[in-house]
Amino acid sequence: MPYLILSDIHANLEALSAVLADAAGRYDRILCLGDLAVYGADPNPVCEWSREKATAIVRGNHDRACSGMESLEDYRPGRGGFRGLDRRTAHSGNIEYLSRLPRGPAAL
C-alpha cells in the first residue's frame, strides 16, 4: 500500500495542492508529520484538508505553539508573533483539532 508522506505544510495551501496534484494516483493513504499551521496564508483550509484526508497525523512543534501548548518564542527567539492560525483567525475548532493531535517530536 503506497503512502504519501507530508510534513511542514505551514498553512501553504497552494504548495499542498501542487504536491497532491503531482502525486495523484500514486498513493492510497496520507501520513502527515505535523506543522500544518504558521507562516502561510491558509491555515484553516489546510487544517480542514488534514481532517478529511490524512490517514494518520502527529502534532508538530508549530502546531503546539498555535494551540497554546507552548510558546513559539521558546524555540524561535526574537521572532515574536507569527502569522497563521491563532486564536484571532481560527474557525471550525481548528485550534482544538491541533491540540488534540497525537504528540509528535519534541521541539528542538
PDB file of N, CA and C in Angstrom:
ATOM      1  N   MET A   1       0.837  -1.165   0.000  1.00  0.00           N
ATOM      2  CA  MET A   1       0.000   0.000   0.000  1.00  0.00           C
ATOM      3  C   MET A   1       0.895   1.246   0.000  1.00  0.00           C
ATOM      4  N   PRO A   2       0.862   2.031  -1.056  1.00  0.00           N
ATOM      5  CA  PRO A   2       1.707   3.232  -1.122  1.00  0.00           C
ATOM      6  C   PRO A   2       1.144   4.380  -0.282  1.00  0.00           C
ATOM      7  N   TYR A   3       2.055   5.071   0.382  1.00  0.00           N
ATOM      8  CA  TYR A   3       1.717   6.212   1.223  1.00  0.00           C
ATOM      9  C   TYR A   3       2.298   7.487   0.622  1.00  0.00           C
ATOM     10  N   LEU A   4       1.592   8.573   0.819  1.00  0.00           N
ATOM     11  CA  LEU A   4       2.125   9.905   0.579  1.00  0.00           C
ATOM     12  C   LEU A   4       2.445  10.451   1.967  1.00  0.00           C
ATOM     13  N   ILE A   5       3.696  10.809   2.191  1.00  0.00           N
ATOM     14  CA  ILE A   5       4.124  11.309   3.492  1.00  0.00           C
ATOM     15  C   ILE A   5       4.413  12.805   3.357  1.00  0.00           C
ATOM     16  N   LEU A   6       3.706  13.594   4.141  1.00  0.00           N
ATOM     17  CA  LEU A   6       3.828  15.049   4.104  1.00  0.00           C
ATOM     18  C   LEU A   6       4.301  15.576   5.446  1.00  0.00           C
ATOM     19  N   SER A   7       4.969  16.706   5.404  1.00  0.00           N
ATOM     20  CA  SER A   7       5.426  17.356   6.624  1.00  0.00           C
ATOM     21  C   SER A   7       5.616  18.833   6.350  1.00  0.00           C
ATOM     22  N   ASP A   8       5.468  19.634   7.386  1.00  0.00           N
ATOM     23  CA  ASP A   8       5.778  21.066   7.314  1.00  0.00           C
ATOM     24  C   ASP A   8       5.010  21.785   6.205  1.00  0.00           C
ATOM     25  N   ILE A   9       3.716  21.598   6.198  1.00  0.00           N
ATOM     26  CA  ILE A   9       2.862  22.269   5.212  1.00  0.00           C
ATOM     27  C   ILE A   9       2.785  23.763   5.522  1.00  0.00           C
ATOM     28  N   HIS A  10       2.789  24.114   6.781  1.00  0.00           N
ATOM     29  CA  HIS A  10       2.828  25.501   7.253  1.00  0.00           C
ATOM     30  C   HIS A  10       1.817  26.417   6.571  1.00  0.00           C
ATOM     31  N   ALA A  11       0.574  25.949   6.503  1.00  0.00           N
ATOM     32  CA  ALA A  11      -0.545  26.766   6.011  1.00  0.00           C
ATOM     33  C   ALA A  11      -0.386  27.221   4.567  1.00  0.00           C
ATOM     34  N   ASN A  12       0.395  26.493   3.788  1.00  0.00           N
ATOM     35  CA  ASN A  12       0.624  26.844   2.384  1.00  0.00           C
ATOM     36  C   ASN A  12      -0.245  25.944   1.509  1.00  0.00           C
ATOM     37  N   LEU A  13      -1.496  26.348   1.323  1.00  0.00           N
ATOM     38  CA  LEU A  13      -2.457  25.551   0.561  1.00  0.00           C
ATOM     39  C   LEU A  13      -2.043  25.416  -0.903  1.00  0.00           C
ATOM     40  N   GLU A  14      -1.467  26.438  -1.454  1.00  0.00           N
ATOM     41  CA  GLU A  14      -1.039  26.395  -2.855  1.00  0.00           C
ATOM     42  C   GLU A  14       0.029  25.316  -3.070  1.00  0.00           C
ATOM     43  N   ALA A  15       1.019  25.269  -2.200  1.00  0.00           N
ATOM     44  CA  ALA A  15       2.062  24.244  -2.315  1.00  0.00           C
ATOM     45  C   ALA A  15       1.485  22.856  -2.047  1.00  0.00           C
ATOM     46  N   LEU A  16       0.613  22.729  -1.049  1.00  0.00           N
ATOM     47  CA  LEU A  16      -0.022  21.448  -0.767  1.00  0.00           C
ATOM     48  C   LEU A  16      -0.791  20.958  -1.982  1.00  0.00           C
ATOM     49  N   SER A  17      -1.545  21.824  -2.612  1.00  0.00           N
ATOM     50  CA  SER A  17      -2.309  21.453  -3.801  1.00  0.00           C
ATOM     51  C   SER A  17      -1.403  20.991  -4.932  1.00  0.00           C
ATOM     52  N   ALA A  18      -0.268  21.650  -5.100  1.00  0.00           N
ATOM     53  CA  ALA A  18       0.680  21.262  -6.146  1.00  0.00           C
ATOM     54  C   ALA A  18       1.267  19.879  -5.871  1.00  0.00           C
ATOM     55  N   VAL A  19       1.613  19.607  -4.628  1.00  0.00           N
ATOM     56  CA  VAL A  19       2.155  18.290  -4.260  1.00  0.00           C
ATOM     57  C   VAL A  19       1.103  17.207  -4.485  1.00  0.00           C
ATOM     58  N   LEU A  20      -0.124  17.472  -4.062  1.00  0.00           N
ATOM     59  CA  LEU A  20      -1.195  16.490  -4.236  1.00  0.00           C
ATOM     60  C   LEU A  20      -1.470  16.222  -5.715  1.00  0.00           C
ATOM     61  N   ALA A  21      -1.436  17.258  -6.522  1.00  0.00           N
ATOM     62  CA  ALA A  21      -1.647  17.086  -7.967  1.00  0.00           C
ATOM     63  C   ALA A  21      -0.520  16.258  -8.577  1.00  0.00           C
ATOM     64  N   ASP A  22       0.697  16.522  -8.176  1.00  0.00           N
ATOM     65  CA  ASP A  22       1.847  15.788  -8.711  1.00  0.00           C
ATOM     66  C   ASP A  22       1.814  14.318  -8.300  1.00  0.00           C
ATOM     67  N   ALA A  23       1.326  14.038  -7.099  1.00  0.00           N
ATOM     68  CA  ALA A  23       1.308  12.667  -6.580  1.00  0.00           C
ATOM     69  C   ALA A  23       0.009  11.922  -6.895  1.00  0.00           C
ATOM     70  N   ALA A  24      -0.923  12.571  -7.537  1.00  0.00           N
ATOM     71  CA  ALA A  24      -2.244  11.979  -7.790  1.00  0.00           C
ATOM     72  C   ALA A  24      -2.127  10.592  -8.416  1.00  0.00           C
ATOM     73  N   GLY A  25      -2.883   9.663  -7.839  1.00  0.00           N
ATOM     74  CA  GLY A  25      -2.932   8.304  -8.354  1.00  0.00           C
ATOM     75  C   GLY A  25      -1.778   7.417  -7.935  1.00  0.00           C
ATOM     76  N   ARG A  26      -0.847   7.945  -7.159  1.00  0.00           N
ATOM     77  CA  ARG A  26       0.334   7.158  -6.780  1.00  0.00           C
ATOM     78  C   ARG A  26       0.382   6.815  -5.296  1.00  0.00           C
ATOM     79  N   TYR A  27      -0.689   7.043  -4.572  1.00  0.00           N
ATOM     80  CA  TYR A  27      -0.728   6.705  -3.156  1.00  0.00           C
ATOM     81  C   TYR A  27      -2.148   6.310  -2.774  1.00  0.00           C
ATOM     82  N   ASP A  28      -2.232   5.523  -1.696  1.00  0.00           N
ATOM     83  CA  ASP A  28      -3.532   5.111  -1.175  1.00  0.00           C
ATOM     84  C   ASP A  28      -3.886   5.834   0.117  1.00  0.00           C
ATOM     85  N   ARG A  29      -2.869   6.197   0.884  1.00  0.00           N
ATOM     86  CA  ARG A  29      -3.088   6.839   2.178  1.00  0.00           C
ATOM     87  C   ARG A  29      -2.095   7.979   2.371  1.00  0.00           C
ATOM     88  N   ILE A  30      -2.504   8.916   3.227  1.00  0.00           N
ATOM     89  CA  ILE A  30      -1.662  10.077   3.515  1.00  0.00           C
ATOM     90  C   ILE A  30      -1.256  10.064   4.978  1.00  0.00           C
ATOM     91  N   LEU A  31       0.044  10.194   5.205  1.00  0.00           N
ATOM     92  CA  LEU A  31       0.585  10.357   6.548  1.00  0.00           C
ATOM     93  C   LEU A  31       1.125  11.778   6.645  1.00  0.00           C
ATOM     94  N   CYS A  32       0.849  12.447   7.743  1.00  0.00           N
ATOM     95  CA  CYS A  32       1.333  13.813   7.927  1.00  0.00           C
ATOM     96  C   CYS A  32       2.135  13.888   9.216  1.00  0.00           C
ATOM     97  N   LEU A  33       3.334  14.427   9.105  1.00  0.00           N
ATOM     98  CA  LEU A  33       4.252  14.504  10.233  1.00  0.00           C
ATOM     99  C   LEU A  33       4.203  15.847  10.952  1.00  0.00           C
ATOM    100  N   GLY A  34       3.121  16.568  10.782  1.00  0.00           N
ATOM    101  CA  GLY A  34       2.889  17.772  11.571  1.00  0.00           C
ATOM    102  C   GLY A  34       3.290  19.073  10.922  1.00  0.00           C
ATOM    103  N   ASP A  35       3.077  20.125  11.679  1.00  0.00           N
ATOM    104  CA  ASP A  35       3.298  21.510  11.276  1.00  0.00           C
ATOM    105  C   ASP A  35       2.366  21.918  10.132  1.00  0.00           C
ATOM    106  N   LEU A  36       1.087  21.829  10.438  1.00  0.00           N
ATOM    107  CA  LEU A  36       0.059  22.280   9.495  1.00  0.00           C
ATOM    108  C   LEU A  36      -0.030  23.798   9.462  1.00  0.00           C
ATOM    109  N   ALA A  37       0.192  24.418  10.602  1.00  0.00           N
ATOM    110  CA  ALA A  37      -0.086  25.843  10.760  1.00  0.00           C
ATOM    111  C   ALA A  37       1.195  26.675  10.781  1.00  0.00           C
ATOM    112  N   VAL A  38       1.000  27.963  10.849  1.00  0.00           N
ATOM    113  CA  VAL A  38       2.029  29.009  10.985  1.00  0.00           C
ATOM    114  C   VAL A  38       2.690  29.324   9.639  1.00  0.00           C
ATOM    115  N   TYR A  39       2.923  30.563   9.425  1.00  0.00           N
ATOM    116  CA  TYR A  39       3.632  31.157   8.290  1.00  0.00           C
ATOM    117  C   TYR A  39       2.754  31.410   7.066  1.00  0.00           C
ATOM    118  N   GLY A  40       2.074  30.428   6.539  1.00  0.00           N
ATOM    119  CA  GLY A  40       1.324  30.589   5.295  1.00  0.00           C
ATOM    120  C   GLY A  40      -0.001  31.311   5.478  1.00  0.00           C
ATOM    121  N   ALA A  41      -0.648  31.542   4.353  1.00  0.00           N
ATOM    122  CA  ALA A  41      -1.875  32.343   4.322  1.00  0.00           C
ATOM    123  C   ALA A  41      -3.149  31.541   4.548  1.00  0.00           C
ATOM    124  N   ASP A  42      -3.075  30.206   4.538  1.00  0.00           N
ATOM    125  CA  ASP A  42      -4.295  29.402   4.556  1.00  0.00           C
ATOM    126  C   ASP A  42      -4.330  28.349   5.668  1.00  0.00           C
ATOM    127  N   PRO A  43      -4.163  28.754   6.921  1.00  0.00           N
ATOM    128  CA  PRO A  43      -4.134  27.745   7.980  1.00  0.00           C
ATOM    129  C   PRO A  43      -5.446  26.979   8.146  1.00  0.00           C
ATOM    130  N   ASN A  44      -6.577  27.671   8.057  1.00  0.00           N
ATOM    131  CA  ASN A  44      -7.840  26.977   8.250  1.00  0.00           C
ATOM    132  C   ASN A  44      -8.122  25.962   7.147  1.00  0.00           C
ATOM    133  N   PRO A  45      -7.969  26.306   5.870  1.00  0.00           N
ATOM    134  CA  PRO A  45      -8.184  25.294   4.833  1.00  0.00           C
ATOM    135  C   PRO A  45      -7.215  24.110   4.931  1.00  0.00           C
ATOM    136  N   VAL A  46      -5.980  24.362   5.336  1.00  0.00           N
ATOM    137  CA  VAL A  46      -5.021  23.261   5.489  1.00  0.00           C
ATOM    138  C   VAL A  46      -5.447  22.346   6.631  1.00  0.00           C
ATOM    139  N   CYS A  47      -5.867  22.919   7.755  1.00  0.00           N
ATOM    140  CA  CYS A  47      -6.348  22.091   8.872  1.00  0.00           C
ATOM    141  C   CYS A  47      -7.576  21.293   8.459  1.00  0.00           C
ATOM    142  N   GLU A  48      -8.477  21.918   7.767  1.00  0.00           N
ATOM    143  CA  GLU A  48      -9.689  21.220   7.345  1.00  0.00           C
ATOM    144  C   GLU A  48      -9.366  20.126   6.335  1.00  0.00           C
ATOM    145  N   TRP A  49      -8.425  20.371   5.426  1.00  0.00           N
ATOM    146  CA  TRP A  49      -7.993  19.339   4.491  1.00  0.00           C
ATOM    147  C   TRP A  49      -7.443  18.135   5.263  1.00  0.00           C
ATOM    148  N   SER A  50      -6.611  18.389   6.262  1.00  0.00           N
ATOM    149  CA  SER A  50      -5.999  17.284   7.000  1.00  0.00           C
ATOM    150  C   SER A  50      -7.041  16.470   7.758  1.00  0.00           C
ATOM    151  N   ARG A  51      -8.053  17.140   8.270  1.00  0.00           N
ATOM    152  CA  ARG A  51      -9.133  16.428   8.965  1.00  0.00           C
ATOM    153  C   ARG A  51      -9.806  15.415   8.040  1.00  0.00           C
ATOM    154  N   GLU A  52      -9.983  15.797   6.805  1.00  0.00           N
ATOM    155  CA  GLU A  52     -10.695  14.954   5.843  1.00  0.00           C
ATOM    156  C   GLU A  52      -9.797  13.913   5.177  1.00  0.00           C
ATOM    157  N   LYS A  53      -8.551  14.241   4.932  1.00  0.00           N
ATOM    158  CA  LYS A  53      -7.730  13.419   4.038  1.00  0.00           C
ATOM    159  C   LYS A  53      -6.598  12.639   4.684  1.00  0.00           C
ATOM    160  N   ALA A  54      -6.046  13.120   5.780  1.00  0.00           N
ATOM    161  CA  ALA A  54      -4.889  12.443   6.377  1.00  0.00           C
ATOM    162  C   ALA A  54      -5.321  11.156   7.079  1.00  0.00           C
ATOM    163  N   THR A  55      -4.680  10.068   6.742  1.00  0.00           N
ATOM    164  CA  THR A  55      -4.949   8.789   7.382  1.00  0.00           C
ATOM    165  C   THR A  55      -4.422   8.801   8.803  1.00  0.00           C
ATOM    166  N   ALA A  56      -3.237   9.355   8.974  1.00  0.00           N
ATOM    167  CA  ALA A  56      -2.612   9.472  10.290  1.00  0.00           C
ATOM    168  C   ALA A  56      -1.813  10.770  10.319  1.00  0.00           C
ATOM    169  N   ILE A  57      -1.790  11.406  11.491  1.00  0.00           N
ATOM    170  CA  ILE A  57      -1.100  12.684  11.623  1.00  0.00           C
ATOM    171  C   ILE A  57      -0.610  12.836  13.055  1.00  0.00           C
ATOM    172  N   VAL A  58       0.520  13.496  13.212  1.00  0.00           N
ATOM    173  CA  VAL A  58       1.005  13.855  14.543  1.00  0.00           C
ATOM    174  C   VAL A  58       1.119  15.371  14.618  1.00  0.00           C
ATOM    175  N   ARG A  59       1.118  15.879  15.830  1.00  0.00           N
ATOM    176  CA  ARG A  59       1.209  17.315  16.073  1.00  0.00           C
ATOM    177  C   ARG A  59       2.663  17.755  16.011  1.00  0.00           C
ATOM    178  N   GLY A  60       2.944  18.755  15.198  1.00  0.00           N
ATOM    179  CA  GLY A  60       4.292  19.310  15.104  1.00  0.00           C
ATOM    180  C   GLY A  60       4.510  20.427  16.106  1.00  0.00           C
ATOM    181  N   ASN A  61       5.739  20.896  16.190  1.00  0.00           N
ATOM    182  CA  ASN A  61       6.056  21.949  17.159  1.00  0.00           C
ATOM    183  C   ASN A  61       5.306  23.248  16.874  1.00  0.00           C
ATOM    184  N   HIS A  62       5.127  23.617  15.618  1.00  0.00           N
ATOM    185  CA  HIS A  62       4.367  24.822  15.307  1.00  0.00           C
ATOM    186  C   HIS A  62       2.890  24.636  15.652  1.00  0.00           C
ATOM    187  N   ASP A  63       2.390  23.425  15.486  1.00  0.00           N
ATOM    188  CA  ASP A  63       1.009  23.142  15.872  1.00  0.00           C
ATOM    189  C   ASP A  63       0.833  23.281  17.380  1.00  0.00           C
ATOM    190  N   ARG A  64       1.825  22.833  18.139  1.00  0.00           N
ATOM    191  CA  ARG A  64       1.780  23.002  19.600  1.00  0.00           C
ATOM    192  C   ARG A  64       1.746  24.490  19.951  1.00  0.00           C
ATOM    193  N   ALA A  65       2.577  25.274  19.299  1.00  0.00           N
ATOM    194  CA  ALA A  65       2.620  26.712  19.593  1.00  0.00           C
ATOM    195  C   ALA A  65       1.305  27.380  19.205  1.00  0.00           C
ATOM    196  N   CYS A  66       0.755  27.013  18.069  1.00  0.00           N
ATOM    197  CA  CYS A  66      -0.518  27.590  17.627  1.00  0.00           C
ATOM    198  C   CYS A  66      -1.645  27.291  18.585  1.00  0.00           C
ATOM    199  N   SER A  67      -1.634  26.110  19.145  1.00  0.00           N
ATOM    200  CA  SER A  67      -2.731  25.710  20.016  1.00  0.00           C
ATOM    201  C   SER A  67      -2.510  26.163  21.458  1.00  0.00           C
ATOM    202  N   GLY A  68      -1.439  26.920  21.699  1.00  0.00           N
ATOM    203  CA  GLY A  68      -1.186  27.468  23.018  1.00  0.00           C
ATOM    204  C   GLY A  68      -0.511  26.506  23.976  1.00  0.00           C
ATOM    205  N   MET A  69      -0.046  25.369  23.482  1.00  0.00           N
ATOM    206  CA  MET A  69       0.587  24.374  24.339  1.00  0.00           C
ATOM    207  C   MET A  69       2.030  24.752  24.666  1.00  0.00           C
ATOM    208  N   GLU A  70       2.611  25.599  23.871  1.00  0.00           N
ATOM    209  CA  GLU A  70       3.936  26.154  24.150  1.00  0.00           C
ATOM    210  C   GLU A  70       4.069  27.444  23.377  1.00  0.00           C
ATOM    211  N   SER A  71       5.071  28.199  23.676  1.00  0.00           N
ATOM    212  CA  SER A  71       5.279  29.477  23.024  1.00  0.00           C
ATOM    213  C   SER A  71       6.235  29.320  21.848  1.00  0.00           C
ATOM    214  N   LEU A  72       5.872  29.935  20.753  1.00  0.00           N
ATOM    215  CA  LEU A  72       6.776  29.939  19.602  1.00  0.00           C
ATOM    216  C   LEU A  72       8.080  30.628  19.969  1.00  0.00           C
ATOM    217  N   GLU A  73       8.002  31.595  20.864  1.00  0.00           N
ATOM    218  CA  GLU A  73       9.189  32.323  21.315  1.00  0.00           C
ATOM    219  C   GLU A  73      10.185  31.392  22.000  1.00  0.00           C
ATOM    220  N   ASP A  74       9.701  30.280  22.573  1.00  0.00           N
ATOM    221  CA  ASP A  74      10.585  29.348  23.271  1.00  0.00           C
ATOM    222  C   ASP A  74      11.637  28.720  22.366  1.00  0.00           C
ATOM    223  N   TYR A  75      11.331  28.533  21.115  1.00  0.00           N
ATOM    224  CA  TYR A  75      12.311  27.899  20.235  1.00  0.00           C
ATOM    225  C   TYR A  75      12.634  28.728  19.004  1.00  0.00           C
ATOM    226  N   ARG A  76      12.028  29.888  18.871  1.00  0.00           N
ATOM    227  CA  ARG A  76      12.349  30.821  17.791  1.00  0.00           C
ATOM    228  C   ARG A  76      12.568  32.201  18.390  1.00  0.00           C
ATOM    229  N   PRO A  77      13.584  32.353  19.251  1.00  0.00           N
ATOM    230  CA  PRO A  77      13.787  33.626  19.948  1.00  0.00           C
ATOM    231  C   PRO A  77      13.862  34.807  18.978  1.00  0.00           C
ATOM    232  N   GLY A  78      13.228  35.891  19.388  1.00  0.00           N
ATOM    233  CA  GLY A  78      13.272  37.109  18.594  1.00  0.00           C
ATOM    234  C   GLY A  78      12.245  37.167  17.487  1.00  0.00           C
ATOM    235  N   ARG A  79      11.532  36.076  17.234  1.00  0.00           N
ATOM    236  CA  ARG A  79      10.544  36.073  16.160  1.00  0.00           C
ATOM    237  C   ARG A  79       9.219  36.674  16.617  1.00  0.00           C
ATOM    238  N   GLY A  80       8.985  36.670  17.914  1.00  0.00           N
ATOM    239  CA  GLY A  80       7.751  37.246  18.434  1.00  0.00           C
ATOM    240  C   GLY A  80       6.530  36.538  17.889  1.00  0.00           C
ATOM    241  N   GLY A  81       5.545  37.326  17.476  1.00  0.00           N
ATOM    242  CA  GLY A  81       4.303  36.772  16.935  1.00  0.00           C
ATOM    243  C   GLY A  81       4.531  36.075  15.612  1.00  0.00           C
ATOM    244  N   PHE A  82       3.514  35.399  15.155  1.00  0.00           N
ATOM    245  CA  PHE A  82       3.633  34.681  13.893  1.00  0.00           C
ATOM    246  C   PHE A  82       2.317  34.734  13.154  1.00  0.00           C
ATOM    247  N   ARG A  83       2.411  34.628  11.841  1.00  0.00           N
ATOM    248  CA  ARG A  83       1.208  34.559  11.029  1.00  0.00           C
ATOM    249  C   ARG A  83       0.666  33.150  11.090  1.00  0.00           C
ATOM    250  N   GLY A  84      -0.510  32.991  10.610  1.00  0.00           N
ATOM    251  CA  GLY A  84      -1.092  31.666  10.553  1.00  0.00           C
ATOM    252  C   GLY A  84      -2.177  31.511  11.591  1.00  0.00           C
ATOM    253  N   LEU A  85      -2.545  30.295  11.810  1.00  0.00           N
ATOM    254  CA  LEU A  85      -3.658  30.003  12.697  1.00  0.00           C
ATOM    255  C   LEU A  85      -3.340  30.441  14.119  1.00  0.00           C
ATOM    256  N   ASP A  86      -4.160  31.277  14.670  1.00  0.00           N
ATOM    257  CA  ASP A  86      -4.065  31.640  16.076  1.00  0.00           C
ATOM    258  C   ASP A  86      -5.473  31.915  16.571  1.00  0.00           C
ATOM    259  N   ARG A  87      -5.598  32.320  17.777  1.00  0.00           N
ATOM    260  CA  ARG A  87      -6.928  32.485  18.353  1.00  0.00           C
ATOM    261  C   ARG A  87      -7.739  33.598  17.686  1.00  0.00           C
ATOM    262  N   ARG A  88      -7.093  34.461  16.929  1.00  0.00           N
ATOM    263  CA  ARG A  88      -7.822  35.527  16.229  1.00  0.00           C
ATOM    264  C   ARG A  88      -8.352  35.069  14.888  1.00  0.00           C
ATOM    265  N   THR A  89      -7.728  34.076  14.258  1.00  0.00           N
ATOM    266  CA  THR A  89      -8.118  33.682  12.903  1.00  0.00           C
ATOM    267  C   THR A  89      -8.727  32.293  12.815  1.00  0.00           C
ATOM    268  N   ALA A  90      -8.781  31.576  13.915  1.00  0.00           N
ATOM    269  CA  ALA A  90      -9.267  30.197  13.889  1.00  0.00           C
ATOM    270  C   ALA A  90     -10.776  30.139  13.687  1.00  0.00           C
ATOM    271  N   HIS A  91     -11.200  29.087  13.039  1.00  0.00           N
ATOM    272  CA  HIS A  91     -12.618  28.774  12.975  1.00  0.00           C
ATOM    273  C   HIS A  91     -12.763  27.260  12.900  1.00  0.00           C
ATOM    274  N   SER A  92     -13.959  26.799  13.044  1.00  0.00           N
ATOM    275  CA  SER A  92     -14.302  25.368  12.959  1.00  0.00           C
ATOM    276  C   SER A  92     -13.511  24.503  13.940  1.00  0.00           C
ATOM    277  N   GLY A  93     -13.097  25.075  15.040  1.00  0.00           N
ATOM    278  CA  GLY A  93     -12.400  24.277  16.047  1.00  0.00           C
ATOM    279  C   GLY A  93     -11.008  23.840  15.646  1.00  0.00           C
ATOM    280  N   ASN A  94     -10.349  24.556  14.755  1.00  0.00           N
ATOM    281  CA  ASN A  94      -9.034  24.122  14.291  1.00  0.00           C
ATOM    282  C   ASN A  94      -7.957  24.183  15.366  1.00  0.00           C
ATOM    283  N   ILE A  95      -8.035  25.131  16.272  1.00  0.00           N
ATOM    284  CA  ILE A  95      -7.052  25.164  17.362  1.00  0.00           C
ATOM    285  C   ILE A  95      -7.235  23.940  18.248  1.00  0.00           C
ATOM    286  N   GLU A  96      -8.478  23.617  18.555  1.00  0.00           N
ATOM    287  CA  GLU A  96      -8.747  22.416  19.349  1.00  0.00           C
ATOM    288  C   GLU A  96      -8.276  21.165  18.605  1.00  0.00           C
ATOM    289  N   TYR A  97      -8.513  21.119  17.303  1.00  0.00           N
ATOM    290  CA  TYR A  97      -8.053  19.992  16.487  1.00  0.00           C
ATOM    291  C   TYR A  97      -6.537  19.823  16.611  1.00  0.00           C
ATOM    292  N   LEU A  98      -5.797  20.915  16.479  1.00  0.00           N
ATOM    293  CA  LEU A  98      -4.338  20.841  16.585  1.00  0.00           C
ATOM    294  C   LEU A  98      -3.901  20.369  17.970  1.00  0.00           C
ATOM    295  N   SER A  99      -4.576  20.845  18.994  1.00  0.00           N
ATOM    296  CA  SER A  99      -4.180  20.476  20.354  1.00  0.00           C
ATOM    297  C   SER A  99      -4.478  19.011  20.664  1.00  0.00           C
ATOM    298  N   ARG A 100      -5.411  18.421  19.963  1.00  0.00           N
ATOM    299  CA  ARG A 100      -5.780  17.026  20.218  1.00  0.00           C
ATOM    300  C   ARG A 100      -5.052  16.026  19.324  1.00  0.00           C
ATOM    301  N   LEU A 101      -4.245  16.504  18.408  1.00  0.00           N
ATOM    302  CA  LEU A 101      -3.480  15.581  17.568  1.00  0.00           C
ATOM    303  C   LEU A 101      -2.523  14.777  18.446  1.00  0.00           C
ATOM    304  N   PRO A 102      -2.193  13.568  18.031  1.00  0.00           N
ATOM    305  CA  PRO A 102      -1.217  12.792  18.805  1.00  0.00           C
ATOM    306  C   PRO A 102       0.106  13.534  18.893  1.00  0.00           C
ATOM    307  N   ARG A 103       0.775  13.363  20.008  1.00  0.00           N
ATOM    308  CA  ARG A 103       2.051  14.037  20.253  1.00  0.00           C
ATOM    309  C   ARG A 103       3.074  13.663  19.202  1.00  0.00           C
ATOM    310  N   GLY A 104       3.707  14.670  18.642  1.00  0.00           N
ATOM    311  CA  GLY A 104       4.791  14.458  17.691  1.00  0.00           C
ATOM    312  C   GLY A 104       6.123  14.637  18.378  1.00  0.00           C
ATOM    313  N   PRO A 105       7.169  14.857  17.612  1.00  0.00           N
ATOM    314  CA  PRO A 105       8.515  15.002  18.203  1.00  0.00           C
ATOM    315  C   PRO A 105       8.603  16.259  19.060  1.00  0.00           C
ATOM    316  N   ALA A 106       9.479  16.222  20.016  1.00  0.00           N
ATOM    317  CA  ALA A 106       9.701  17.378  20.883  1.00  0.00           C
ATOM    318  C   ALA A 106      10.376  18.498  20.098  1.00  0.00           C
ATOM    319  N   ALA A 107      10.085  19.731  20.479  1.00  0.00           N
ATOM    320  CA  ALA A 107      10.735  20.876  19.837  1.00  0.00           C
ATOM    321  C   ALA A 107      12.215  20.869  20.146  1.00  0.00           C
ATOM    322  N   LEU A 108      12.990  21.306  19.194  1.00  0.00           N
ATOM    323  CA  LEU A 108      14.441  21.376  19.382  1.00  0.00           C
ATOM    324  C   LEU A 108      14.828  22.697  19.988  1.00  0.00           C
TER     325      LEU A 108
END
